[in-house]
Amino acid sequence: ATGGTSVAITGSNFTGATAVKFGASNASSFTVTSATQITATAPSGSGTVDITVVTGGGTSATSANDKYTYIAAPTVSSLG
């Protein structure tokens, strides 16, 4: 939930990407490693969101394959 997770994104036509979004939030950072791969750092968030890539050609369509689920950090409730 606090973000910071590195995520490998595979697709096509990533050259010239200007943004990677996790839901409505921009990735903390991203690197286009090739026309078919981006490594992005998830921002903080909650729930399940779509990851989209923005280029000069537009924003990628959402699908069942682009979901990212935030998981809350564990908490300690007692010690025995």
PDB file of N, CA and C in Angstrom:
ATOM      1  N   ALA A   1       0.815  -1.200   0.000  1.00  0.00           N
ATOM      2  CA  ALA A   1       0.000   0.000   0.000  1.00  0.00           C
ATOM      3  C   ALA A   1       0.856   1.260   0.000  1.00  0.00           C
ATOM      4  N   THR A   2       2.075   1.166   0.503  1.00  0.00           N
ATOM      5  CA  THR A   2       2.929   2.353   0.551  1.00  0.00           C
ATOM      6  C   THR A   2       3.664   2.603  -0.754  1.00  0.00           C
ATOM      7  N   GLY A   3       3.519   1.718  -1.721  1.00  0.00           N
ATOM      8  CA  GLY A   3       4.189   1.885  -3.004  1.00  0.00           C
ATOM      9  C   GLY A   3       5.632   1.430  -2.936  1.00  0.00           C
ATOM     10  N   GLY A   4       6.384   1.730  -3.992  1.00  0.00           N
ATOM     11  CA  GLY A   4       7.791   1.380  -4.040  1.00  0.00           C
ATOM     12  C   GLY A   4       8.103   0.050  -4.677  1.00  0.00           C
ATOM     13  N   THR A   5       7.083  -0.718  -5.057  1.00  0.00           N
ATOM     14  CA  THR A   5       7.307  -2.014  -5.688  1.00  0.00           C
ATOM     15  C   THR A   5       7.674  -1.825  -7.159  1.00  0.00           C
ATOM     16  N   SER A   6       8.704  -2.517  -7.607  1.00  0.00           N
ATOM     17  CA  SER A   6       9.108  -2.481  -9.007  1.00  0.00           C
ATOM     18  C   SER A   6       8.229  -3.447  -9.799  1.00  0.00           C
ATOM     19  N   VAL A   7       7.681  -2.971 -10.914  1.00  0.00           N
ATOM     20  CA  VAL A   7       6.760  -3.766 -11.724  1.00  0.00           C
ATOM     21  C   VAL A   7       7.260  -3.808 -13.165  1.00  0.00           C
ATOM     22  N   ALA A   8       7.400  -5.000 -13.729  1.00  0.00           N
ATOM     23  CA  ALA A   8       7.770  -5.161 -15.134  1.00  0.00           C
ATOM     24  C   ALA A   8       6.489  -5.192 -15.960  1.00  0.00           C
ATOM     25  N   ILE A   9       6.413  -4.331 -16.958  1.00  0.00           N
ATOM     26  CA  ILE A   9       5.226  -4.228 -17.816  1.00  0.00           C
ATOM     27  C   ILE A   9       5.637  -4.644 -19.223  1.00  0.00           C
ATOM     28  N   THR A  10       4.909  -5.590 -19.791  1.00  0.00           N
ATOM     29  CA  THR A  10       5.207  -6.081 -21.132  1.00  0.00           C
ATOM     30  C   THR A  10       4.045  -5.767 -22.054  1.00  0.00           C
ATOM     31  N   GLY A  11       4.358  -5.295 -23.255  1.00  0.00           N
ATOM     32  CA  GLY A  11       3.331  -4.952 -24.238  1.00  0.00           C
ATOM     33  C   GLY A  11       3.979  -4.601 -25.557  1.00  0.00           C
ATOM     34  N   SER A  12       3.478  -3.569 -26.214  1.00  0.00           N
ATOM     35  CA  SER A  12       4.064  -3.160 -27.485  1.00  0.00           C
ATOM     36  C   SER A  12       3.920  -1.649 -27.669  1.00  0.00           C
ATOM     37  N   ASN A  13       4.764  -1.104 -28.525  1.00  0.00           N
ATOM     38  CA  ASN A  13       4.755   0.317 -28.877  1.00  0.00           C
ATOM     39  C   ASN A  13       5.015   1.236 -27.679  1.00  0.00           C
ATOM     40  N   PHE A  14       5.912   0.823 -26.771  1.00  0.00           N
ATOM     41  CA  PHE A  14       6.221   1.621 -25.586  1.00  0.00           C
ATOM     42  C   PHE A  14       7.242   2.732 -25.849  1.00  0.00           C
ATOM     43  N   THR A  15       7.904   2.705 -26.989  1.00  0.00           N
ATOM     44  CA  THR A  15       8.895   3.740 -27.287  1.00  0.00           C
ATOM     45  C   THR A  15       8.237   5.108 -27.213  1.00  0.00           C
ATOM     46  N   GLY A  16       8.864   6.031 -26.508  1.00  0.00           N
ATOM     47  CA  GLY A  16       8.314   7.377 -26.376  1.00  0.00           C
ATOM     48  C   GLY A  16       7.270   7.513 -25.294  1.00  0.00           C
ATOM     49  N   ALA A  17       7.167   6.528 -24.410  1.00  0.00           N
ATOM     50  CA  ALA A  17       6.184   6.614 -23.322  1.00  0.00           C
ATOM     51  C   ALA A  17       6.451   7.870 -22.496  1.00  0.00           C
ATOM     52  N   THR A  18       5.379   8.581 -22.157  1.00  0.00           N
ATOM     53  CA  THR A  18       5.492   9.812 -21.378  1.00  0.00           C
ATOM     54  C   THR A  18       4.976   9.635 -19.956  1.00  0.00           C
ATOM     55  N   ALA A  19       4.233   8.565 -19.702  1.00  0.00           N
ATOM     56  CA  ALA A  19       3.712   8.314 -18.359  1.00  0.00           C
ATOM     57  C   ALA A  19       3.288   6.863 -18.235  1.00  0.00           C
ATOM     58  N   VAL A  20       3.342   6.378 -16.993  1.00  0.00           N
ATOM     59  CA  VAL A  20       2.763   5.084 -16.625  1.00  0.00           C
ATOM     60  C   VAL A  20       1.859   5.393 -15.446  1.00  0.00           C
ATOM     61  N   LYS A  21       0.618   4.921 -15.517  1.00  0.00           N
ATOM     62  CA  LYS A  21      -0.347   5.219 -14.463  1.00  0.00           C
ATOM     63  C   LYS A  21      -0.822   3.945 -13.773  1.00  0.00           C
ATOM     64  N   PHE A  22      -0.950   4.034 -12.462  1.00  0.00           N
ATOM     65  CA  PHE A  22      -1.542   2.989 -11.643  1.00  0.00           C
ATOM     66  C   PHE A  22      -2.885   3.560 -11.210  1.00  0.00           C
ATOM     67  N   GLY A  23      -3.956   3.191 -11.908  1.00  0.00           N
ATOM     68  CA  GLY A  23      -5.231   3.866 -11.689  1.00  0.00           C
ATOM     69  C   GLY A  23      -5.065   5.303 -12.150  1.00  0.00           C
ATOM     70  N   ALA A  24      -5.432   6.268 -11.304  1.00  0.00           N
ATOM     71  CA  ALA A  24      -5.307   7.686 -11.651  1.00  0.00           C
ATOM     72  C   ALA A  24      -3.960   8.280 -11.252  1.00  0.00           C
ATOM     73  N   SER A  25      -3.118   7.498 -10.566  1.00  0.00           N
ATOM     74  CA  SER A  25      -1.842   8.009 -10.056  1.00  0.00           C
ATOM     75  C   SER A  25      -0.682   7.668 -10.980  1.00  0.00           C
ATOM     76  N   ASN A  26       0.222   8.632 -11.149  1.00  0.00           N
ATOM     77  CA  ASN A  26       1.423   8.378 -11.939  1.00  0.00           C
ATOM     78  C   ASN A  26       2.362   7.442 -11.191  1.00  0.00           C
ATOM     79  N   ALA A  27       3.063   6.592 -11.940  1.00  0.00           N
ATOM     80  CA  ALA A  27       4.111   5.766 -11.344  1.00  0.00           C
ATOM     81  C   ALA A  27       5.124   6.693 -10.693  1.00  0.00           C
ATOM     82  N   SER A  28       5.739   6.251  -9.596  1.00  0.00           N
ATOM     83  CA  SER A  28       6.765   7.056  -8.930  1.00  0.00           C
ATOM     84  C   SER A  28       7.922   7.333  -9.877  1.00  0.00           C
ATOM     85  N   SER A  29       8.248   6.350 -10.710  1.00  0.00           N
ATOM     86  CA  SER A  29       9.259   6.486 -11.762  1.00  0.00           C
ATOM     87  C   SER A  29       9.049   5.347 -12.750  1.00  0.00           C
ATOM     88  N   PHE A  30       9.608   5.499 -13.938  1.00  0.00           N
ATOM     89  CA  PHE A  30       9.555   4.398 -14.903  1.00  0.00           C
ATOM     90  C   PHE A  30      10.706   4.530 -15.881  1.00  0.00           C
ATOM     91  N   THR A  31      11.090   3.379 -16.441  1.00  0.00           N
ATOM     92  CA  THR A  31      12.141   3.322 -17.447  1.00  0.00           C
ATOM     93  C   THR A  31      11.653   2.456 -18.593  1.00  0.00           C
ATOM     94  N   VAL A  32      11.706   2.992 -19.803  1.00  0.00           N
ATOM     95  CA  VAL A  32      11.385   2.202 -20.987  1.00  0.00           C
ATOM     96  C   VAL A  32      12.648   1.436 -21.336  1.00  0.00           C
ATOM     97  N   THR A  33      12.619   0.127 -21.157  1.00  0.00           N
ATOM     98  CA  THR A  33      13.806  -0.683 -21.435  1.00  0.00           C
ATOM     99  C   THR A  33      13.844  -1.175 -22.881  1.00  0.00           C
ATOM    100  N   SER A  34      12.680  -1.201 -23.539  1.00  0.00           N
ATOM    101  CA  SER A  34      12.603  -1.551 -24.960  1.00  0.00           C
ATOM    102  C   SER A  34      11.217  -1.167 -25.452  1.00  0.00           C
ATOM    103  N   ALA A  35      10.971  -1.366 -26.727  1.00  0.00           N
ATOM    104  CA  ALA A  35       9.656  -1.064 -27.289  1.00  0.00           C
ATOM    105  C   ALA A  35       8.562  -1.954 -26.712  1.00  0.00           C
ATOM    106  N   THR A  36       8.985  -3.047 -26.041  1.00  0.00           N
ATOM    107  CA  THR A  36       8.010  -3.993 -25.497  1.00  0.00           C
ATOM    108  C   THR A  36       8.072  -4.156 -23.984  1.00  0.00           C
ATOM    109  N   GLN A  37       8.951  -3.393 -23.304  1.00  0.00           N
ATOM    110  CA  GLN A  37       9.059  -3.559 -21.852  1.00  0.00           C
ATOM    111  C   GLN A  37       9.334  -2.232 -21.154  1.00  0.00           C
ATOM    112  N   ILE A  38       8.635  -2.050 -20.028  1.00  0.00           N
ATOM    113  CA  ILE A  38       8.826  -0.901 -19.138  1.00  0.00           C
ATOM    114  C   ILE A  38       8.967  -1.444 -17.721  1.00  0.00           C
ATOM    115  N   THR A  39       9.867  -0.839 -16.958  1.00  0.00           N
ATOM    116  CA  THR A  39       9.949  -1.124 -15.530  1.00  0.00           C
ATOM    117  C   THR A  39       9.460   0.127 -14.811  1.00  0.00           C
ATOM    118  N   ALA A  40       8.419  -0.032 -13.988  1.00  0.00           N
ATOM    119  CA  ALA A  40       7.823   1.104 -13.288  1.00  0.00           C
ATOM    120  C   ALA A  40       7.817   0.849 -11.792  1.00  0.00           C
ATOM    121  N   THR A  41       7.831   1.925 -11.018  1.00  0.00           N
ATOM    122  CA  THR A  41       7.738   1.831  -9.571  1.00  0.00           C
ATOM    123  C   THR A  41       6.352   2.285  -9.151  1.00  0.00           C
ATOM    124  N   ALA A  42       5.646   1.398  -8.457  1.00  0.00           N
ATOM    125  CA  ALA A  42       4.268   1.690  -8.055  1.00  0.00           C
ATOM    126  C   ALA A  42       4.219   2.832  -7.038  1.00  0.00           C
ATOM    127  N   PRO A  43       3.262   3.748  -7.206  1.00  0.00           N
ATOM    128  CA  PRO A  43       3.045   4.773  -6.191  1.00  0.00           C
ATOM    129  C   PRO A  43       2.243   4.171  -5.036  1.00  0.00           C
ATOM    130  N   SER A  44       2.048   4.915  -3.970  1.00  0.00           N
ATOM    131  CA  SER A  44       1.193   4.405  -2.896  1.00  0.00           C
ATOM    132  C   SER A  44      -0.240   4.321  -3.405  1.00  0.00           C
ATOM    133  N   GLY A  45      -1.023   3.429  -2.812  1.00  0.00           N
ATOM    134  CA  GLY A  45      -2.402   3.273  -3.245  1.00  0.00           C
ATOM    135  C   GLY A  45      -3.081   2.157  -2.490  1.00  0.00           C
ATOM    136  N   SER A  46      -4.272   1.814  -2.943  1.00  0.00           N
ATOM    137  CA  SER A  46      -5.023   0.726  -2.322  1.00  0.00           C
ATOM    138  C   SER A  46      -5.950   0.106  -3.345  1.00  0.00           C
ATOM    139  N   GLY A  47      -6.379  -1.120  -3.048  1.00  0.00           N
ATOM    140  CA  GLY A  47      -7.314  -1.810  -3.922  1.00  0.00           C
ATOM    141  C   GLY A  47      -6.641  -2.375  -5.157  1.00  0.00           C
ATOM    142  N   THR A  48      -7.434  -2.616  -6.191  1.00  0.00           N
ATOM    143  CA  THR A  48      -6.956  -3.123  -7.471  1.00  0.00           C
ATOM    144  C   THR A  48      -7.158  -2.042  -8.518  1.00  0.00           C
ATOM    145  N   VAL A  49      -6.103  -1.747  -9.281  1.00  0.00           N
ATOM    146  CA  VAL A  49      -6.155  -0.683 -10.282  1.00  0.00           C
ATOM    147  C   VAL A  49      -5.635  -1.198 -11.616  1.00  0.00           C
ATOM    148  N   ASP A  50      -5.979  -0.484 -12.684  1.00  0.00           N
ATOM    149  CA  ASP A  50      -5.436  -0.775 -14.010  1.00  0.00           C
ATOM    150  C   ASP A  50      -4.122  -0.022 -14.170  1.00  0.00           C
ATOM    151  N   ILE A  51      -3.136  -0.666 -14.794  1.00  0.00           N
ATOM    152  CA  ILE A  51      -1.910   0.014 -15.182  1.00  0.00           C
ATOM    153  C   ILE A  51      -2.069   0.395 -16.642  1.00  0.00           C
ATOM    154  N   THR A  52      -1.828   1.668 -16.952  1.00  0.00           N
ATOM    155  CA  THR A  52      -1.890   2.132 -18.334  1.00  0.00           C
ATOM    156  C   THR A  52      -0.590   2.830 -18.694  1.00  0.00           C
ATOM    157  N   VAL A  53      -0.272   2.826 -19.986  1.00  0.00           N
ATOM    158  CA  VAL A  53       0.918   3.475 -20.510  1.00  0.00           C
ATOM    159  C   VAL A  53       0.463   4.564 -21.471  1.00  0.00           C
ATOM    160  N   VAL A  54       1.048   5.757 -21.325  1.00  0.00           N
ATOM    161  CA  VAL A  54       0.699   6.893 -22.164  1.00  0.00           C
ATOM    162  C   VAL A  54       1.865   7.185 -23.107  1.00  0.00           C
ATOM    163  N   THR A  55       1.569   7.278 -24.403  1.00  0.00           N
ATOM    164  CA  THR A  55       2.563   7.672 -25.410  1.00  0.00           C
ATOM    165  C   THR A  55       1.943   8.770 -26.268  1.00  0.00           C
ATOM    166  N   GLY A  56       2.699   9.258 -27.222  1.00  0.00           N
ATOM    167  CA  GLY A  56       2.175  10.247 -28.152  1.00  0.00           C
ATOM    168  C   GLY A  56       1.003   9.709 -28.962  1.00  0.00           C
ATOM    169  N   GLY A  57       0.885   8.387 -29.056  1.00  0.00           N
ATOM    170  CA  GLY A  57      -0.203   7.757 -29.796  1.00  0.00           C
ATOM    171  C   GLY A  57      -1.465   7.567 -28.979  1.00  0.00           C
ATOM    172  N   GLY A  58      -1.408   7.885 -27.677  1.00  0.00           N
ATOM    173  CA  GLY A  58      -2.581   7.740 -26.825  1.00  0.00           C
ATOM    174  C   GLY A  58      -2.276   6.918 -25.590  1.00  0.00           C
ATOM    175  N   THR A  59      -3.335   6.528 -24.898  1.00  0.00           N
ATOM    176  CA  THR A  59      -3.234   5.745 -23.668  1.00  0.00           C
ATOM    177  C   THR A  59      -3.667   4.321 -23.951  1.00  0.00           C
ATOM    178  N   SER A  60      -2.929   3.367 -23.402  1.00  0.00           N
ATOM    179  CA  SER A  60      -3.267   1.960 -23.623  1.00  0.00           C
ATOM    180  C   SER A  60      -4.669   1.658 -23.100  1.00  0.00           C
ATOM    181  N   ALA A  61      -5.342   0.756 -23.782  1.00  0.00           N
ATOM    182  CA  ALA A  61      -6.676   0.319 -23.352  1.00  0.00           C
ATOM    183  C   ALA A  61      -6.536  -0.544 -22.101  1.00  0.00           C
ATOM    184  N   THR A  62      -7.550  -0.540 -21.261  1.00  0.00           N
ATOM    185  CA  THR A  62      -7.529  -1.388 -20.070  1.00  0.00           C
ATOM    186  C   THR A  62      -8.093  -2.764 -20.399  1.00  0.00           C
ATOM    187  N   SER A  63      -7.627  -3.751 -19.634  1.00  0.00           N
ATOM    188  CA  SER A  63      -8.096  -5.123 -19.836  1.00  0.00           C
ATOM    189  C   SER A  63      -7.895  -5.900 -18.548  1.00  0.00           C
ATOM    190  N   ALA A  64      -8.285  -7.150 -18.559  1.00  0.00           N
ATOM    191  CA  ALA A  64      -8.109  -8.011 -17.394  1.00  0.00           C
ATOM    192  C   ALA A  64      -6.631  -8.299 -17.148  1.00  0.00           C
ATOM    193  N   ASN A  65      -5.770  -8.065 -18.145  1.00  0.00           N
ATOM    194  CA  ASN A  65      -4.350  -8.382 -18.027  1.00  0.00           C
ATOM    195  C   ASN A  65      -3.512  -7.271 -17.417  1.00  0.00           C
ATOM    196  N   ASP A  66      -4.094  -6.110 -17.124  1.00  0.00           N
ATOM    197  CA  ASP A  66      -3.283  -4.989 -16.635  1.00  0.00           C
ATOM    198  C   ASP A  66      -3.578  -4.615 -15.184  1.00  0.00           C
ATOM    199  N   LYS A  67      -4.131  -5.527 -14.427  1.00  0.00           N
ATOM    200  CA  LYS A  67      -4.514  -5.246 -13.036  1.00  0.00           C
ATOM    201  C   LYS A  67      -3.315  -5.305 -12.089  1.00  0.00           C
ATOM    202  N   TYR A  68      -3.292  -4.377 -11.127  1.00  0.00           N
ATOM    203  CA  TYR A  68      -2.288  -4.353 -10.068  1.00  0.00           C
ATOM    204  C   TYR A  68      -3.039  -4.255  -8.752  1.00  0.00           C
ATOM    205  N   THR A  69      -2.730  -5.145  -7.820  1.00  0.00           N
ATOM    206  CA  THR A  69      -3.420  -5.157  -6.528  1.00  0.00           C
ATOM    207  C   THR A  69      -2.459  -4.761  -5.421  1.00  0.00           C
ATOM    208  N   TYR A  70      -2.822  -3.716  -4.697  1.00  0.00           N
ATOM    209  CA  TYR A  70      -2.051  -3.278  -3.536  1.00  0.00           C
ATOM    210  C   TYR A  70      -2.384  -4.191  -2.356  1.00  0.00           C
ATOM    211  N   ILE A  71      -1.372  -4.531  -1.569  1.00  0.00           N
ATOM    212  CA  ILE A  71      -1.552  -5.363  -0.395  1.00  0.00           C
ATOM    213  C   ILE A  71      -1.056  -4.579   0.811  1.00  0.00           C
ATOM    214  N   ALA A  72      -1.892  -4.488   1.822  1.00  0.00           N
ATOM    215  CA  ALA A  72      -1.506  -3.749   3.033  1.00  0.00           C
ATOM    216  C   ALA A  72      -0.395  -4.477   3.768  1.00  0.00           C
ATOM    217  N   ALA A  73       0.450  -3.701   4.426  1.00  0.00           N
ATOM    218  CA  ALA A  73       1.535  -4.283   5.222  1.00  0.00           C
ATOM    219  C   ALA A  73       0.940  -5.049   6.400  1.00  0.00           C
ATOM    220  N   PRO A  74       1.603  -6.114   6.842  1.00  0.00           N
ATOM    221  CA  PRO A  74       1.088  -6.864   7.995  1.00  0.00           C
ATOM    222  C   PRO A  74       1.189  -6.028   9.261  1.00  0.00           C
ATOM    223  N   THR A  75       0.323  -6.334  10.208  1.00  0.00           N
ATOM    224  CA  THR A  75       0.369  -5.676  11.510  1.00  0.00           C
ATOM    225  C   THR A  75       0.449  -6.724  12.611  1.00  0.00           C
ATOM    226  N   VAL A  76       1.100  -6.391  13.692  1.00  0.00           N
ATOM    227  CA  VAL A  76       1.217  -7.282  14.850  1.00  0.00           C
ATOM    228  C   VAL A  76       0.102  -6.915  15.813  1.00  0.00           C
ATOM    229  N   SER A  77      -0.689  -7.905  16.199  1.00  0.00           N
ATOM    230  CA  SER A  77      -1.802  -7.628  17.128  1.00  0.00           C
ATOM    231  C   SER A  77      -1.513  -8.096  18.551  1.00  0.00           C
ATOM    232  N   SER A  78      -0.556  -9.017  18.701  1.00  0.00           N
ATOM    233  CA  SER A  78      -0.175  -9.437  20.051  1.00  0.00           C
ATOM    234  C   SER A  78       1.121 -10.226  19.976  1.00  0.00           C
ATOM    235  N   LEU A  79       1.747 -10.348  21.122  1.00  0.00           N
ATOM    236  CA  LEU A  79       2.955 -11.161  21.251  1.00  0.00           C
ATOM    237  C   LEU A  79       2.701 -12.209  22.325  1.00  0.00           C
ATOM    238  N   GLY A  80       3.168 -13.411  22.099  1.00  0.00           N
ATOM    239  CA  GLY A  80       2.894 -14.459  23.063  1.00  0.00           C
ATOM    240  C   GLY A  80       4.111 -15.037  23.703  1.00  0.00           C
TER     241      GLY A  80
END
